[in-house]
């Protein structure tokens, strides 16, 4: 797999949950491996998008090495 997503090189699909997909990727700009969780359906209902945004905000404020949002 050699696609890019939001500036990250996608290395492998780790999980396909239907609504979300989780990828192993590499952040070339910061020279580090990352895991990306993507809401796959661009037409997801507003409540699903709101839940995804809330999860992002929680992770963004989670101050632990290795967690990046």
Protein backbone atom coordinates (compact mmCIF):
# COMPACT_ATOMS: atom_id res chain seq x y z
CA UNK A 1 0.00 0.00 0.00
CA UNK A 2 1.61 3.29 -1.05
CA UNK A 3 -1.09 5.93 -0.63
CA UNK A 4 -0.85 9.14 1.35
CA UNK A 5 -3.42 10.69 3.64
CA UNK A 6 -3.12 14.14 5.21
CA UNK A 7 0.63 14.13 4.56
CA UNK A 8 1.17 10.65 6.01
CA UNK A 9 2.40 7.61 4.10
CA UNK A 10 -0.09 4.78 4.58
CA UNK A 11 1.72 1.52 5.33
CA UNK A 12 -1.10 -0.87 6.23
CA UNK A 13 -4.78 -1.10 7.06
CA UNK A 14 -5.01 -2.23 10.68
CA UNK A 15 -8.78 -2.23 11.13
CA UNK A 16 -11.87 -1.66 9.00
CA UNK A 17 -14.82 -1.03 11.27
CA UNK A 18 -17.23 -0.01 8.53
CA UNK A 19 -17.57 3.62 9.62
CA UNK A 20 -13.93 4.12 10.52
CA UNK A 21 -10.65 2.74 9.28
CA UNK A 22 -7.40 2.60 11.21
CA UNK A 23 -4.11 2.75 9.35
CA UNK A 24 -0.48 2.26 10.26
CA UNK A 25 1.29 5.22 8.68
CA UNK A 26 4.49 7.24 8.72
CA UNK A 27 4.72 10.97 9.34
CA UNK A 28 7.66 12.00 7.13
CA UNK A 29 7.57 15.63 8.32
CA UNK A 30 8.18 14.57 11.93
CA UNK A 31 10.07 11.35 11.15
CA UNK A 32 7.90 9.03 13.23
CA UNK A 33 5.42 6.17 12.88
CA UNK A 34 1.77 7.01 13.57
CA UNK A 35 -1.65 5.39 13.61
CA UNK A 36 -4.45 7.24 11.83
CA UNK A 37 -8.13 6.71 12.55
CA UNK A 38 -10.32 7.99 9.74
CA UNK A 39 -14.07 8.50 9.57
CA UNK A 40 -14.53 6.86 6.20
CA UNK A 41 -18.02 7.99 5.21
CA UNK A 42 -17.94 11.63 4.05
CA UNK A 43 -21.73 11.63 4.30
CA UNK A 44 -21.84 10.30 7.87
CA UNK A 45 -24.77 11.58 9.92
CA UNK A 46 -24.09 14.66 12.09
CA UNK A 47 -24.19 12.63 15.32
CA UNK A 48 -21.45 10.29 14.04
CA UNK A 49 -19.27 13.25 13.01
CA UNK A 50 -19.87 14.88 16.41
CA UNK A 51 -18.81 11.69 18.21
CA UNK A 52 -15.66 11.49 16.08
CA UNK A 53 -14.83 15.16 16.82
CA UNK A 54 -15.34 14.58 20.55
CA UNK A 55 -12.99 11.59 20.45
CA UNK A 56 -10.41 13.73 18.63
CA UNK A 57 -10.64 16.50 21.25
CA UNK A 58 -10.23 14.02 24.10
CA UNK A 59 -7.14 12.51 22.48
CA UNK A 60 -5.74 15.93 21.58
CA UNK A 61 -5.76 16.92 25.26
CA UNK A 62 -4.39 13.57 26.45
CA UNK A 63 -0.80 14.37 27.41
CA UNK A 64 0.98 11.03 26.96
CA UNK A 65 4.07 10.32 24.86
CA UNK A 66 3.08 8.65 21.63
CA UNK A 67 -0.49 9.98 21.54
CA UNK A 68 -0.90 12.63 18.87
CA UNK A 69 -4.17 14.11 17.71
